[in-house]
Protein backbone atom coordinates (compact mmCIF):
# COMPACT_ATOMS: atom_id res chain seq x y z
CA UNK A 1 24.18 42.44 30.14
CA UNK A 2 22.78 39.28 31.21
CA UNK A 3 25.40 37.41 31.07
CA UNK A 4 26.47 40.11 34.19
CA UNK A 5 24.45 40.05 36.48
CA UNK A 6 23.25 36.38 36.58
CA UNK A 7 24.00 34.63 39.39
CA UNK A 8 26.49 31.58 38.44
CA UNK A 9 24.64 29.66 41.74
CA UNK A 10 21.51 29.24 39.79
CA UNK A 11 23.18 28.39 36.30
CA UNK A 12 24.89 25.54 37.83
CA UNK A 13 21.84 23.94 39.62
CA UNK A 14 19.87 24.53 36.86
CA UNK A 15 22.83 22.64 35.07
CA UNK A 16 22.64 19.70 37.43
CA UNK A 17 19.07 19.00 37.31
CA UNK A 18 19.34 18.75 33.34
CA UNK A 19 21.94 16.67 33.47
CA UNK A 20 20.18 14.74 35.95
CA UNK A 21 17.18 14.20 33.55
CA UNK A 22 19.63 13.47 30.95
CA UNK A 23 21.55 10.72 32.38
CA UNK A 24 18.79 8.66 32.07
CA UNK A 25 19.33 6.79 35.00
CA UNK A 26 17.49 5.48 39.02
CA UNK A 27 19.89 6.54 40.85
CA UNK A 28 23.28 9.18 40.47
CA UNK A 29 25.91 9.42 42.60
CA UNK A 30 28.72 12.58 42.61
CA UNK A 31 31.70 10.26 40.78
CA UNK A 32 29.56 9.86 37.97
CA UNK A 33 27.05 13.80 37.95
CA UNK A 34 31.26 15.29 38.07
CA UNK A 35 31.95 13.29 35.26
CA UNK A 36 29.02 14.10 33.28
CA UNK A 37 29.48 18.32 34.24
CA UNK A 38 33.51 17.80 33.68
CA UNK A 39 33.20 18.94 37.42
CA UNK A 40 35.13 17.71 40.47
CA UNK A 41 33.67 15.00 42.71
CA UNK A 42 33.26 17.18 45.89
CA UNK A 43 31.87 20.00 43.69
CA UNK A 44 28.91 17.89 42.71
CA UNK A 45 27.51 16.30 46.23
CA UNK A 46 27.71 20.11 47.28
CA UNK A 47 24.81 20.51 44.85
CA UNK A 48 23.61 16.90 44.92
CA UNK A 49 23.85 17.02 48.69
CA UNK A 50 21.58 21.24 48.69
CA UNK A 51 19.60 20.34 46.14
CA UNK A 52 18.50 17.30 48.28
CA UNK A 53 17.93 19.11 52.05
CA UNK A 54 15.99 21.63 49.13
CA UNK A 55 13.47 18.88 48.72
CA UNK A 56 14.58 17.44 45.68
CA UNK A 57 16.76 14.89 45.60
CA UNK A 58 16.99 12.05 48.61
CA UNK A 59 19.65 9.94 48.80
CA UNK A 60 18.34 6.03 48.15
CA UNK A 61 20.51 2.84 49.80
CA UNK A 62 24.14 2.99 48.04
CA UNK A 63 24.19 6.94 48.96
CA UNK A 64 23.28 7.90 45.53
CA UNK A 65 20.69 10.72 44.36
CA UNK A 66 17.04 10.63 42.72
CA UNK A 67 14.46 13.19 41.97
CA UNK A 68 12.17 13.29 44.72
CA UNK A 69 8.19 13.36 43.48
CA UNK A 70 9.05 17.82 44.30
CA UNK A 71 11.20 17.68 41.09
CA UNK A 72 8.30 15.65 39.28
CA UNK A 73 5.68 17.95 40.10
CA UNK A 74 7.37 21.18 39.00
CA UNK A 75 7.94 19.42 35.82
CA UNK A 76 4.47 18.35 34.98
CA UNK A 77 3.08 21.89 36.22
CA UNK A 78 6.13 23.87 33.82
CA UNK A 79 4.94 21.50 31.23
CA UNK A 80 0.81 22.49 31.04
CA UNK A 81 2.02 26.16 31.62
CA UNK A 82 4.62 26.95 29.43
CA UNK A 83 3.93 29.02 25.88
CA UNK A 84 4.81 27.76 22.85
CA UNK A 85 7.42 30.67 21.37
CA UNK A 86 4.54 33.78 20.03
CA UNK A 87 6.69 33.45 16.03
CA UNK A 88 5.13 29.72 16.34
CA UNK A 89 2.14 30.29 18.00
CA UNK A 90 1.15 33.02 15.32
CA UNK A 91 1.67 30.44 12.40
CA UNK A 92 -0.32 27.89 13.45
CA UNK A 93 -3.69 29.20 13.01
CA UNK A 94 -2.80 29.79 9.02
CA UNK A 95 -1.59 25.97 8.71
CA UNK A 96 -5.05 24.75 10.21
CA UNK A 97 -7.01 27.04 7.78
CA UNK A 98 -4.13 25.60 4.60
CA UNK A 99 -4.66 21.90 5.48
CA UNK A 100 -7.84 21.90 7.43
CA UNK A 101 -6.26 19.62 10.23
CA UNK A 102 -5.25 20.29 14.46
CA UNK A 103 -2.09 21.25 14.35
CA UNK A 104 -0.49 20.73 17.79
CA UNK A 105 3.25 21.65 18.60
CA UNK A 106 4.90 19.03 21.50
CA UNK A 107 7.95 18.93 23.71
CA UNK A 108 10.14 16.27 24.98
CA UNK A 109 9.45 15.99 28.80
CA UNK A 110 11.84 12.32 29.77
CA UNK A 111 9.94 9.65 28.33
CA UNK A 112 6.81 12.03 27.24
CA UNK A 113 6.74 13.86 24.35
CA UNK A 114 3.63 16.38 26.09
CA UNK A 115 1.14 18.73 23.38
CA UNK A 116 1.87 21.96 24.99
CA UNK A 117 -0.51 23.67 22.04
CA UNK A 118 -3.27 22.69 19.61
CA UNK A 119 -6.14 24.44 17.59
CA UNK A 120 -8.67 22.44 15.42
CA UNK A 121 -9.47 22.89 12.29
CA UNK A 122 -13.86 23.67 12.48
CA UNK A 123 -14.62 20.23 11.38
CA UNK A 124 -15.79 16.74 12.08
CA UNK A 125 -13.34 15.10 13.45
CA UNK A 126 -11.86 18.23 16.13
CA UNK A 127 -9.97 17.09 19.17
CA UNK A 128 -11.56 17.97 22.80
CA UNK A 129 -9.84 20.69 24.48
CA UNK A 130 -9.09 17.91 27.15
CA UNK A 131 -8.18 14.96 25.04
CA UNK A 132 -4.80 13.45 25.91
CA UNK A 133 -1.66 15.61 25.71
CA UNK A 134 0.90 12.88 26.41
CA UNK A 135 1.86 10.44 23.85
CA UNK A 136 5.46 7.79 23.13
CA UNK A 137 8.11 9.39 22.00
CA UNK A 138 8.61 6.17 19.67
CA UNK A 139 4.84 5.71 18.96
CA UNK A 140 4.47 8.58 17.37
CA UNK A 141 5.72 11.22 15.05
CA UNK A 142 6.86 14.53 16.89
CA UNK A 143 8.10 11.81 18.91
CA UNK A 144 10.36 11.13 16.34
CA UNK A 145 11.16 14.14 15.73
CA UNK A 146 12.19 14.84 18.67
CA UNK A 147 14.41 11.99 19.90
CA UNK A 148 16.39 12.78 16.55
CA UNK A 149 17.42 16.59 16.69
CA UNK A 150 16.57 16.89 20.48
CA UNK A 151 19.86 16.85 22.51
CA UNK A 152 18.27 15.62 25.31
CA UNK A 153 16.84 12.32 23.80
CA UNK A 154 17.46 10.14 26.65
CA UNK A 155 20.03 6.98 25.54
CA UNK A 156 17.85 4.14 25.76
CA UNK A 157 15.18 5.92 23.02
CA UNK A 158 17.44 7.09 20.81
CA UNK A 159 18.49 3.65 20.25
CA UNK A 160 15.45 2.36 20.23
CA UNK A 161 15.18 4.00 17.57
CA UNK A 162 17.99 4.25 15.49
CA UNK A 163 17.87 2.72 12.43
CA UNK A 164 15.13 5.42 12.20
CA UNK A 165 17.51 8.95 13.14
CA UNK A 166 18.69 9.08 10.38
CA UNK A 167 16.04 9.01 7.23
CA UNK A 168 14.29 11.94 9.61
CA UNK A 169 17.40 13.73 10.40
CA UNK A 170 18.02 14.11 6.36
CA UNK A 171 14.38 14.55 5.29
CA UNK A 172 13.21 17.31 8.41
CA UNK A 173 10.51 14.80 8.88
CA UNK A 174 9.18 12.41 10.48
CA UNK A 175 5.51 10.48 9.37
CA UNK A 176 3.27 7.76 10.79
CA UNK A 177 0.42 5.98 11.25
CA UNK A 178 -0.94 4.23 13.99
CA UNK A 179 -4.07 4.47 16.93
CA UNK A 180 -5.02 7.57 19.34
CA UNK A 181 -8.11 7.52 21.00
CA UNK A 182 -9.24 4.70 19.83
CA UNK A 183 -8.53 6.69 15.84
CA UNK A 184 -6.02 5.46 13.12
CA UNK A 185 -4.36 8.87 12.86
CA UNK A 186 -1.38 10.24 9.94
CA UNK A 187 0.48 12.01 11.11
CA UNK A 188 3.31 14.29 9.85
CA UNK A 189 6.08 16.38 12.49
CA UNK A 190 8.75 18.72 11.99
CA UNK A 191 11.33 19.81 14.67
CA UNK A 192 11.15 23.06 14.73
CA UNK A 193 15.07 24.45 15.90
CA UNK A 194 16.18 27.97 17.47
CA UNK A 195 19.98 27.70 16.31
CA UNK A 196 20.77 24.38 17.49
CA UNK A 197 18.29 23.79 19.90
CA UNK A 198 15.48 22.50 19.38
CA UNK A 199 12.14 23.81 20.82
CA UNK A 200 9.36 21.49 20.44
CA UNK A 201 7.91 19.71 16.73
CA UNK A 202 5.14 20.95 14.77
CA UNK A 203 3.19 18.20 13.67
CA UNK A 204 -0.39 17.90 11.59
CA UNK A 205 -2.98 14.40 12.65
CA UNK A 206 -5.28 13.60 10.23
CA UNK A 207 -7.76 10.27 10.37
CA UNK A 208 -5.98 7.58 8.44
CA UNK A 209 -6.67 8.54 4.46
CA UNK A 210 -8.06 11.56 4.31
CA UNK A 211 -4.63 13.91 4.59
CA UNK A 212 -2.53 14.36 1.80
CA UNK A 213 0.76 13.89 3.71
CA UNK A 214 3.09 14.95 1.11
CA UNK A 215 1.31 17.73 0.44
CA UNK A 216 1.83 18.27 4.59
CA UNK A 217 5.02 17.31 4.80
CA UNK A 218 6.15 20.03 2.05
CA UNK A 219 4.06 22.89 4.70
CA UNK A 220 4.43 21.87 7.30
CA UNK A 221 9.22 22.26 6.46
CA UNK A 222 7.48 25.61 4.55
CA UNK A 223 6.16 26.87 7.90
CA UNK A 224 9.32 25.43 10.07
CA UNK A 225 11.38 27.89 7.05
CA UNK A 226 9.26 30.99 7.96
CA UNK A 227 9.08 30.05 12.02
CA UNK A 228 12.87 29.57 12.32
CA UNK A 229 13.79 32.56 10.40
CA UNK A 230 11.79 34.64 12.71
CA UNK A 231 13.81 32.89 15.53
CA UNK A 232 16.35 33.31 14.86
CA UNK A 233 16.18 37.17 13.88
CA UNK A 234 15.18 38.09 17.75
């Protein structure tokens, strides 16, 4: 039923915006976009010109198109207000109780991993609600999971950790130890998939040496299985 009432111009406009992000070049011409989408150059140019008229794209000196500040502001607004799936939200408090550590859900936003949901245990080292939510994807467990499983991950990020991708995919999780908010922490993250789509990364983080990493990985993998079963049932 939804396909019957869908406006193809809207669907194609969204595909153009998604393609511009996936191409991951500062400016893109109609020919390059047409190649990416399998369209004619004329069709690609028409949609790009329309988005420029709406203020979402602008042309550079080479007559190529790039996203404007309007698109960037909308992206940030959407990321900060996007909610995690209810099936995930219902599982996160139980994970906090089980691990007694902070549990987060992050999504890919360009070349960042952005935390959109976070639950904290009632103990020391509780992260404040306004704490840093943006992470470098190559330097975080959540980011590495997103690069490994999210088809929208830019090619330059894939190349940056190419040697780590197969182990992450085969194990189903990523581990990272590093500095965060002036503390050395350990983190474990797993992807949350709906079919072939990666919705984001579910992670647990704790001060260095406090968390049983193997147990955290096992717990998150079990939670992933249950969450995905619920997601794919709906």
